[in-house]
């Protein structure tokens, strides 16, 4: 999915989410220092947001609920079913 055009939008993260996402990106950058710069892709918090959106959309048929907590619960249940070989 790299090198595809993106659409800019404004989103919001909880402060803890942003802090933890920044820590993940920093760790990945440190781990990938051995990779030649010509082979590395730029990674930012937005990279993680796009990955998260991909996962949500892969399970979109299982999403239901009236609030963030219910949607998250439905997403986690769908992922667990897929991991155990169940269907959505």
PDB file of N, CA and C in Angstrom:
ATOM      1  N   UNK A   1       0.799  -1.184   0.000  1.00  0.00           N
ATOM      2  CA  UNK A   1       0.000   0.000   0.000  1.00  0.00           C
ATOM      3  C   UNK A   1       0.849   1.258   0.000  1.00  0.00           C
ATOM      4  N   UNK A   2       2.132   1.120  -0.094  1.00  0.00           N
ATOM      5  CA  UNK A   2       2.985   2.299  -0.086  1.00  0.00           C
ATOM      6  C   UNK A   2       2.936   3.004  -1.428  1.00  0.00           C
ATOM      7  N   UNK A   3       3.326   4.238  -1.416  1.00  0.00           N
ATOM      8  CA  UNK A   3       3.418   5.071  -2.609  1.00  0.00           C
ATOM      9  C   UNK A   3       2.081   5.304  -3.283  1.00  0.00           C
ATOM     10  N   UNK A   4       0.996   5.156  -2.556  1.00  0.00           N
ATOM     11  CA  UNK A   4      -0.311   5.495  -3.097  1.00  0.00           C
ATOM     12  C   UNK A   4      -0.660   6.905  -2.651  1.00  0.00           C
ATOM     13  N   UNK A   5      -1.411   7.621  -3.467  1.00  0.00           N
ATOM     14  CA  UNK A   5      -1.840   8.956  -3.024  1.00  0.00           C
ATOM     15  C   UNK A   5      -2.693   8.839  -1.769  1.00  0.00           C
ATOM     16  N   UNK A   6      -2.645   9.831  -0.937  1.00  0.00           N
ATOM     17  CA  UNK A   6      -3.445   9.841   0.278  1.00  0.00           C
ATOM     18  C   UNK A   6      -4.358  11.063   0.268  1.00  0.00           C
ATOM     19  N   UNK A   7      -5.381  11.006   1.076  1.00  0.00           N
ATOM     20  CA  UNK A   7      -6.293  12.126   1.247  1.00  0.00           C
ATOM     21  C   UNK A   7      -6.054  12.722   2.623  1.00  0.00           C
ATOM     22  N   UNK A   8      -5.847  14.013   2.669  1.00  0.00           N
ATOM     23  CA  UNK A   8      -5.581  14.678   3.935  1.00  0.00           C
ATOM     24  C   UNK A   8      -6.897  14.920   4.669  1.00  0.00           C
ATOM     25  N   UNK A   9      -6.886  14.638   5.967  1.00  0.00           N
ATOM     26  CA  UNK A   9      -8.025  14.942   6.814  1.00  0.00           C
ATOM     27  C   UNK A   9      -7.503  15.221   8.206  1.00  0.00           C
ATOM     28  N   UNK A  10      -8.319  15.860   8.998  1.00  0.00           N
ATOM     29  CA  UNK A  10      -7.925  16.133  10.369  1.00  0.00           C
ATOM     30  C   UNK A  10      -8.570  15.105  11.272  1.00  0.00           C
ATOM     31  N   UNK A  11      -7.773  14.453  12.086  1.00  0.00           N
ATOM     32  CA  UNK A  11      -8.282  13.458  13.014  1.00  0.00           C
ATOM     33  C   UNK A  11      -7.814  13.778  14.416  1.00  0.00           C
ATOM     34  N   UNK A  12      -8.328  13.047  15.353  1.00  0.00           N
ATOM     35  CA  UNK A  12      -7.958  13.260  16.739  1.00  0.00           C
ATOM     36  C   UNK A  12      -7.595  11.937  17.387  1.00  0.00           C
ATOM     37  N   UNK A  13      -6.568  11.990  18.212  1.00  0.00           N
ATOM     38  CA  UNK A  13      -6.162  10.844  19.025  1.00  0.00           C
ATOM     39  C   UNK A  13      -6.179  11.276  20.480  1.00  0.00           C
ATOM     40  N   UNK A  14      -6.406  10.324  21.353  1.00  0.00           N
ATOM     41  CA  UNK A  14      -6.249  10.611  22.770  1.00  0.00           C
ATOM     42  C   UNK A  14      -4.761  10.849  23.020  1.00  0.00           C
ATOM     43  N   UNK A  15      -4.415  11.707  23.998  1.00  0.00           N
ATOM     44  CA  UNK A  15      -2.998  11.977  24.261  1.00  0.00           C
ATOM     45  C   UNK A  15      -2.171  10.705  24.478  1.00  0.00           C
ATOM     46  N   UNK A  16      -2.738   9.743  25.218  1.00  0.00           N
ATOM     47  CA  UNK A  16      -2.012   8.486  25.473  1.00  0.00           C
ATOM     48  C   UNK A  16      -1.772   7.734  24.169  1.00  0.00           C
ATOM     49  N   UNK A  17      -2.760   7.738  23.269  1.00  0.00           N
ATOM     50  CA  UNK A  17      -2.593   7.059  21.978  1.00  0.00           C
ATOM     51  C   UNK A  17      -1.467   7.702  21.179  1.00  0.00           C
ATOM     52  N   UNK A  18      -1.448   9.024  21.159  1.00  0.00           N
ATOM     53  CA  UNK A  18      -0.417   9.723  20.393  1.00  0.00           C
ATOM     54  C   UNK A  18       0.965   9.446  20.983  1.00  0.00           C
ATOM     55  N   UNK A  19       1.068   9.488  22.309  1.00  0.00           N
ATOM     56  CA  UNK A  19       2.346   9.231  22.967  1.00  0.00           C
ATOM     57  C   UNK A  19       2.832   7.809  22.672  1.00  0.00           C
ATOM     58  N   UNK A  20       1.947   6.825  22.814  1.00  0.00           N
ATOM     59  CA  UNK A  20       2.347   5.434  22.571  1.00  0.00           C
ATOM     60  C   UNK A  20       2.667   5.201  21.097  1.00  0.00           C
ATOM     61  N   UNK A  21       1.922   5.835  20.202  1.00  0.00           N
ATOM     62  CA  UNK A  21       2.208   5.692  18.766  1.00  0.00           C
ATOM     63  C   UNK A  21       3.574   6.283  18.441  1.00  0.00           C
ATOM     64  N   UNK A  22       3.889   7.419  19.038  1.00  0.00           N
ATOM     65  CA  UNK A  22       5.200   8.040  18.829  1.00  0.00           C
ATOM     66  C   UNK A  22       6.304   7.129  19.342  1.00  0.00           C
ATOM     67  N   UNK A  23       6.080   6.483  20.475  1.00  0.00           N
ATOM     68  CA  UNK A  23       7.072   5.547  21.018  1.00  0.00           C
ATOM     69  C   UNK A  23       7.282   4.362  20.079  1.00  0.00           C
ATOM     70  N   UNK A  24       6.200   3.852  19.492  1.00  0.00           N
ATOM     71  CA  UNK A  24       6.313   2.737  18.543  1.00  0.00           C
ATOM     72  C   UNK A  24       7.127   3.161  17.325  1.00  0.00           C
ATOM     73  N   UNK A  25       6.827   4.320  16.777  1.00  0.00           N
ATOM     74  CA  UNK A  25       7.545   4.806  15.597  1.00  0.00           C
ATOM     75  C   UNK A  25       9.025   5.001  15.922  1.00  0.00           C
ATOM     76  N   UNK A  26       9.315   5.575  17.078  1.00  0.00           N
ATOM     77  CA  UNK A  26      10.717   5.768  17.487  1.00  0.00           C
ATOM     78  C   UNK A  26      11.432   4.428  17.589  1.00  0.00           C
ATOM     79  N   UNK A  27      10.778   3.434  18.204  1.00  0.00           N
ATOM     80  CA  UNK A  27      11.391   2.097  18.326  1.00  0.00           C
ATOM     81  C   UNK A  27      11.651   1.493  16.949  1.00  0.00           C
ATOM     82  N   UNK A  28      10.682   1.601  16.054  1.00  0.00           N
ATOM     83  CA  UNK A  28      10.849   1.031  14.713  1.00  0.00           C
ATOM     84  C   UNK A  28      11.984   1.704  13.957  1.00  0.00           C
ATOM     85  N   UNK A  29      12.102   3.004  14.112  1.00  0.00           N
ATOM     86  CA  UNK A  29      13.191   3.726  13.447  1.00  0.00           C
ATOM     87  C   UNK A  29      14.547   3.261  13.973  1.00  0.00           C
ATOM     88  N   UNK A  30      14.654   3.048  15.282  1.00  0.00           N
ATOM     89  CA  UNK A  30      15.904   2.559  15.870  1.00  0.00           C
ATOM     90  C   UNK A  30      16.211   1.156  15.348  1.00  0.00           C
ATOM     91  N   UNK A  31      15.191   0.282  15.335  1.00  0.00           N
ATOM     92  CA  UNK A  31      15.389  -1.094  14.859  1.00  0.00           C
ATOM     93  C   UNK A  31      15.786  -1.140  13.382  1.00  0.00           C
ATOM     94  N   UNK A  32      15.332  -0.179  12.608  1.00  0.00           N
ATOM     95  CA  UNK A  32      15.578  -0.208  11.168  1.00  0.00           C
ATOM     96  C   UNK A  32      16.775   0.621  10.730  1.00  0.00           C
ATOM     97  N   UNK A  33      17.572   1.088  11.666  1.00  0.00           N
ATOM     98  CA  UNK A  33      18.754   1.895  11.307  1.00  0.00           C
ATOM     99  C   UNK A  33      19.734   1.118  10.445  1.00  0.00           C
ATOM    100  N   UNK A  34      19.753  -0.198  10.585  1.00  0.00           N
ATOM    101  CA  UNK A  34      20.684  -1.019   9.807  1.00  0.00           C
ATOM    102  C   UNK A  34      20.255  -1.123   8.339  1.00  0.00           C
ATOM    103  N   UNK A  35      18.982  -0.867   8.058  1.00  0.00           N
ATOM    104  CA  UNK A  35      18.476  -0.927   6.695  1.00  0.00           C
ATOM    105  C   UNK A  35      18.988   0.285   5.933  1.00  0.00           C
ATOM    106  N   UNK A  36      19.540   0.081   4.740  1.00  0.00           N
ATOM    107  CA  UNK A  36      20.017   1.234   3.962  1.00  0.00           C
ATOM    108  C   UNK A  36      18.899   2.256   3.758  1.00  0.00           C
ATOM    109  N   UNK A  37      19.256   3.526   3.826  1.00  0.00           N
ATOM    110  CA  UNK A  37      18.241   4.579   3.730  1.00  0.00           C
ATOM    111  C   UNK A  37      17.470   4.519   2.419  1.00  0.00           C
ATOM    112  N   UNK A  38      18.072   4.007   1.377  1.00  0.00           N
ATOM    113  CA  UNK A  38      17.379   3.914   0.093  1.00  0.00           C
ATOM    114  C   UNK A  38      16.252   2.882   0.125  1.00  0.00           C
ATOM    115  N   UNK A  39      16.281   1.967   1.108  1.00  0.00           N
ATOM    116  CA  UNK A  39      15.263   0.925   1.227  1.00  0.00           C
ATOM    117  C   UNK A  39      14.227   1.235   2.311  1.00  0.00           C
ATOM    118  N   UNK A  40      14.476   2.259   3.116  1.00  0.00           N
ATOM    119  CA  UNK A  40      13.551   2.600   4.204  1.00  0.00           C
ATOM    120  C   UNK A  40      12.453   3.519   3.704  1.00  0.00           C
ATOM    121  N   UNK A  41      11.290   3.349   4.238  1.00  0.00           N
ATOM    122  CA  UNK A  41      10.164   4.240   3.976  1.00  0.00           C
ATOM    123  C   UNK A  41       9.951   5.120   5.191  1.00  0.00           C
ATOM    124  N   UNK A  42       9.479   6.294   4.965  1.00  0.00           N
ATOM    125  CA  UNK A  42       9.196   7.216   6.053  1.00  0.00           C
ATOM    126  C   UNK A  42       8.045   6.664   6.894  1.00  0.00           C
ATOM    127  N   UNK A  43       8.241   6.636   8.206  1.00  0.00           N
ATOM    128  CA  UNK A  43       7.205   6.160   9.111  1.00  0.00           C
ATOM    129  C   UNK A  43       6.852   7.268  10.092  1.00  0.00           C
ATOM    130  N   UNK A  44       5.555   7.493  10.255  1.00  0.00           N
ATOM    131  CA  UNK A  44       5.062   8.494  11.189  1.00  0.00           C
ATOM    132  C   UNK A  44       3.859   7.920  11.922  1.00  0.00           C
ATOM    133  N   UNK A  45       3.303   8.696  12.822  1.00  0.00           N
ATOM    134  CA  UNK A  45       2.078   8.284  13.492  1.00  0.00           C
ATOM    135  C   UNK A  45       0.997   8.020  12.447  1.00  0.00           C
ATOM    136  N   UNK A  46       0.969   8.802  11.387  1.00  0.00           N
ATOM    137  CA  UNK A  46      -0.014   8.582  10.327  1.00  0.00           C
ATOM    138  C   UNK A  46       0.122   7.196   9.698  1.00  0.00           C
ATOM    139  N   UNK A  47       1.331   6.665   9.655  1.00  0.00           N
ATOM    140  CA  UNK A  47       1.544   5.312   9.147  1.00  0.00           C
ATOM    141  C   UNK A  47       0.735   4.324   9.986  1.00  0.00           C
ATOM    142  N   UNK A  48       0.812   4.467  11.300  1.00  0.00           N
ATOM    143  CA  UNK A  48       0.065   3.577  12.192  1.00  0.00           C
ATOM    144  C   UNK A  48      -1.433   3.798  12.063  1.00  0.00           C
ATOM    145  N   UNK A  49      -1.854   5.039  11.867  1.00  0.00           N
ATOM    146  CA  UNK A  49      -3.279   5.330  11.694  1.00  0.00           C
ATOM    147  C   UNK A  49      -3.790   4.636  10.435  1.00  0.00           C
ATOM    148  N   UNK A  50      -3.024   4.694   9.338  1.00  0.00           N
ATOM    149  CA  UNK A  50      -3.442   4.025   8.099  1.00  0.00           C
ATOM    150  C   UNK A  50      -3.494   2.509   8.277  1.00  0.00           C
ATOM    151  N   UNK A  51      -2.545   1.937   8.999  1.00  0.00           N
ATOM    152  CA  UNK A  51      -2.560   0.495   9.266  1.00  0.00           C
ATOM    153  C   UNK A  51      -3.797   0.135  10.094  1.00  0.00           C
ATOM    154  N   UNK A  52      -4.064   0.926  11.117  1.00  0.00           N
ATOM    155  CA  UNK A  52      -5.245   0.691  11.942  1.00  0.00           C
ATOM    156  C   UNK A  52      -6.525   0.778  11.132  1.00  0.00           C
ATOM    157  N   UNK A  53      -6.605   1.747  10.235  1.00  0.00           N
ATOM    158  CA  UNK A  53      -7.794   1.891   9.398  1.00  0.00           C
ATOM    159  C   UNK A  53      -7.943   0.688   8.473  1.00  0.00           C
ATOM    160  N   UNK A  54      -6.847   0.174   7.962  1.00  0.00           N
ATOM    161  CA  UNK A  54      -6.896  -1.017   7.119  1.00  0.00           C
ATOM    162  C   UNK A  54      -7.502  -2.188   7.882  1.00  0.00           C
ATOM    163  N   UNK A  55      -7.074  -2.371   9.130  1.00  0.00           N
ATOM    164  CA  UNK A  55      -7.597  -3.465   9.949  1.00  0.00           C
ATOM    165  C   UNK A  55      -9.083  -3.263  10.220  1.00  0.00           C
ATOM    166  N   UNK A  56      -9.486  -2.057  10.557  1.00  0.00           N
ATOM    167  CA  UNK A  56     -10.903  -1.780  10.804  1.00  0.00           C
ATOM    168  C   UNK A  56     -11.722  -2.107   9.562  1.00  0.00           C
ATOM    169  N   UNK A  57     -11.254  -1.670   8.404  1.00  0.00           N
ATOM    170  CA  UNK A  57     -12.014  -1.898   7.178  1.00  0.00           C
ATOM    171  C   UNK A  57     -12.049  -3.369   6.777  1.00  0.00           C
ATOM    172  N   UNK A  58     -11.006  -4.120   7.117  1.00  0.00           N
ATOM    173  CA  UNK A  58     -11.027  -5.560   6.850  1.00  0.00           C
ATOM    174  C   UNK A  58     -12.121  -6.263   7.655  1.00  0.00           C
ATOM    175  N   UNK A  59     -12.532  -5.667   8.768  1.00  0.00           N
ATOM    176  CA  UNK A  59     -13.543  -6.254   9.649  1.00  0.00           C
ATOM    177  C   UNK A  59     -14.827  -5.424   9.655  1.00  0.00           C
ATOM    178  N   UNK A  60     -15.011  -4.572   8.678  1.00  0.00           N
ATOM    179  CA  UNK A  60     -16.143  -3.639   8.695  1.00  0.00           C
ATOM    180  C   UNK A  60     -17.507  -4.318   8.766  1.00  0.00           C
ATOM    181  N   UNK A  61     -17.624  -5.516   8.203  1.00  0.00           N
ATOM    182  CA  UNK A  61     -18.927  -6.183   8.242  1.00  0.00           C
ATOM    183  C   UNK A  61     -19.296  -6.630   9.661  1.00  0.00           C
ATOM    184  N   UNK A  62     -18.309  -6.752  10.536  1.00  0.00           N
ATOM    185  CA  UNK A  62     -18.572  -7.190  11.909  1.00  0.00           C
ATOM    186  C   UNK A  62     -18.798  -6.022  12.866  1.00  0.00           C
ATOM    187  N   UNK A  63     -18.592  -4.805  12.401  1.00  0.00           N
ATOM    188  CA  UNK A  63     -18.723  -3.653  13.283  1.00  0.00           C
ATOM    189  C   UNK A  63     -20.182  -3.347  13.566  1.00  0.00           C
ATOM    190  N   UNK A  64     -20.478  -3.155  14.828  1.00  0.00           N
ATOM    191  CA  UNK A  64     -21.798  -2.725  15.254  1.00  0.00           C
ATOM    192  C   UNK A  64     -21.652  -2.104  16.641  1.00  0.00           C
ATOM    193  N   UNK A  65     -22.527  -1.199  16.942  1.00  0.00           N
ATOM    194  CA  UNK A  65     -22.485  -0.547  18.237  1.00  0.00           C
ATOM    195  C   UNK A  65     -22.863   0.906  18.124  1.00  0.00           C
ATOM    196  N   UNK A  66     -23.087   1.508  19.277  1.00  0.00           N
ATOM    197  CA  UNK A  66     -23.513   2.901  19.343  1.00  0.00           C
ATOM    198  C   UNK A  66     -22.441   3.847  19.846  1.00  0.00           C
ATOM    199  N   UNK A  67     -21.280   3.302  20.204  1.00  0.00           N
ATOM    200  CA  UNK A  67     -20.221   4.173  20.718  1.00  0.00           C
ATOM    201  C   UNK A  67     -18.866   3.515  20.475  1.00  0.00           C
ATOM    202  N   UNK A  68     -17.824   4.241  20.802  1.00  0.00           N
ATOM    203  CA  UNK A  68     -16.460   3.782  20.554  1.00  0.00           C
ATOM    204  C   UNK A  68     -16.159   2.467  21.265  1.00  0.00           C
ATOM    205  N   UNK A  69     -16.586   2.336  22.500  1.00  0.00           N
ATOM    206  CA  UNK A  69     -16.309   1.111  23.263  1.00  0.00           C
ATOM    207  C   UNK A  69     -16.970  -0.101  22.617  1.00  0.00           C
ATOM    208  N   UNK A  70     -18.219   0.042  22.179  1.00  0.00           N
ATOM    209  CA  UNK A  70     -18.920  -1.078  21.541  1.00  0.00           C
ATOM    210  C   UNK A  70     -18.295  -1.435  20.193  1.00  0.00           C
ATOM    211  N   UNK A  71     -17.885  -0.431  19.427  1.00  0.00           N
ATOM    212  CA  UNK A  71     -17.217  -0.704  18.150  1.00  0.00           C
ATOM    213  C   UNK A  71     -15.891  -1.427  18.373  1.00  0.00           C
ATOM    214  N   UNK A  72     -15.141  -0.983  19.368  1.00  0.00           N
ATOM    215  CA  UNK A  72     -13.865  -1.631  19.681  1.00  0.00           C
ATOM    216  C   UNK A  72     -14.081  -3.073  20.118  1.00  0.00           C
ATOM    217  N   UNK A  73     -15.098  -3.301  20.939  1.00  0.00           N
ATOM    218  CA  UNK A  73     -15.410  -4.660  21.385  1.00  0.00           C
ATOM    219  C   UNK A  73     -15.773  -5.545  20.182  1.00  0.00           C
ATOM    220  N   UNK A  74     -16.566  -5.030  19.260  1.00  0.00           N
ATOM    221  CA  UNK A  74     -16.951  -5.795  18.070  1.00  0.00           C
ATOM    222  C   UNK A  74     -15.741  -6.080  17.197  1.00  0.00           C
ATOM    223  N   UNK A  75     -14.854  -5.106  17.073  1.00  0.00           N
ATOM    224  CA  UNK A  75     -13.643  -5.301  16.265  1.00  0.00           C
ATOM    225  C   UNK A  75     -12.745  -6.371  16.886  1.00  0.00           C
ATOM    226  N   UNK A  76     -12.530  -6.278  18.173  1.00  0.00           N
ATOM    227  CA  UNK A  76     -11.687  -7.275  18.862  1.00  0.00           C
ATOM    228  C   UNK A  76     -12.281  -8.674  18.754  1.00  0.00           C
ATOM    229  N   UNK A  77     -13.600  -8.792  18.882  1.00  0.00           N
ATOM    230  CA  UNK A  77     -14.254 -10.101  18.756  1.00  0.00           C
ATOM    231  C   UNK A  77     -14.075 -10.644  17.346  1.00  0.00           C
ATOM    232  N   UNK A  78     -14.183  -9.792  16.349  1.00  0.00           N
ATOM    233  CA  UNK A  78     -14.009 -10.224  14.961  1.00  0.00           C
ATOM    234  C   UNK A  78     -12.587 -10.697  14.698  1.00  0.00           C
ATOM    235  N   UNK A  79     -11.628  -9.966  15.229  1.00  0.00           N
ATOM    236  CA  UNK A  79     -10.218 -10.363  15.062  1.00  0.00           C
ATOM    237  C   UNK A  79      -9.972 -11.696  15.759  1.00  0.00           C
ATOM    238  N   UNK A  80     -10.519 -11.880  16.968  1.00  0.00           N
ATOM    239  CA  UNK A  80     -10.345 -13.145  17.698  1.00  0.00           C
ATOM    240  C   UNK A  80     -10.963 -14.303  16.931  1.00  0.00           C
ATOM    241  N   UNK A  81     -12.146 -14.080  16.369  1.00  0.00           N
ATOM    242  CA  UNK A  81     -12.781 -15.147  15.572  1.00  0.00           C
ATOM    243  C   UNK A  81     -11.924 -15.530  14.374  1.00  0.00           C
ATOM    244  N   UNK A  82     -11.375 -14.539  13.721  1.00  0.00           N
ATOM    245  CA  UNK A  82     -10.545 -14.819  12.546  1.00  0.00           C
ATOM    246  C   UNK A  82      -9.282 -15.594  12.953  1.00  0.00           C
ATOM    247  N   UNK A  83      -8.709 -15.246  14.091  1.00  0.00           N
ATOM    248  CA  UNK A  83      -7.490 -15.911  14.552  1.00  0.00           C
ATOM    249  C   UNK A  83      -7.751 -17.370  14.937  1.00  0.00           C
ATOM    250  N   UNK A  84      -8.954 -17.660  15.394  1.00  0.00           N
ATOM    251  CA  UNK A  84      -9.268 -19.026  15.801  1.00  0.00           C
ATOM    252  C   UNK A  84      -9.937 -19.814  14.683  1.00  0.00           C
ATOM    253  N   UNK A  85     -10.031 -19.206  13.511  1.00  0.00           N
ATOM    254  CA  UNK A  85     -10.599 -19.909  12.370  1.00  0.00           C
ATOM    255  C   UNK A  85     -12.085 -19.794  12.245  1.00  0.00           C
ATOM    256  N   UNK A  86     -12.720 -18.974  13.057  1.00  0.00           N
ATOM    257  CA  UNK A  86     -14.158 -18.767  12.975  1.00  0.00           C
ATOM    258  C   UNK A  86     -14.507 -17.823  11.829  1.00  0.00           C
ATOM    259  N   UNK A  87     -15.783 -17.605  11.643  1.00  0.00           N
ATOM    260  CA  UNK A  87     -16.217 -16.681  10.606  1.00  0.00           C
ATOM    261  C   UNK A  87     -16.781 -15.435  11.235  1.00  0.00           C
ATOM    262  N   UNK A  88     -16.856 -14.392  10.433  1.00  0.00           N
ATOM    263  CA  UNK A  88     -17.362 -13.107  10.928  1.00  0.00           C
ATOM    264  C   UNK A  88     -18.839 -13.090  10.996  1.00  0.00           C
TER     265      UNK A  88
END
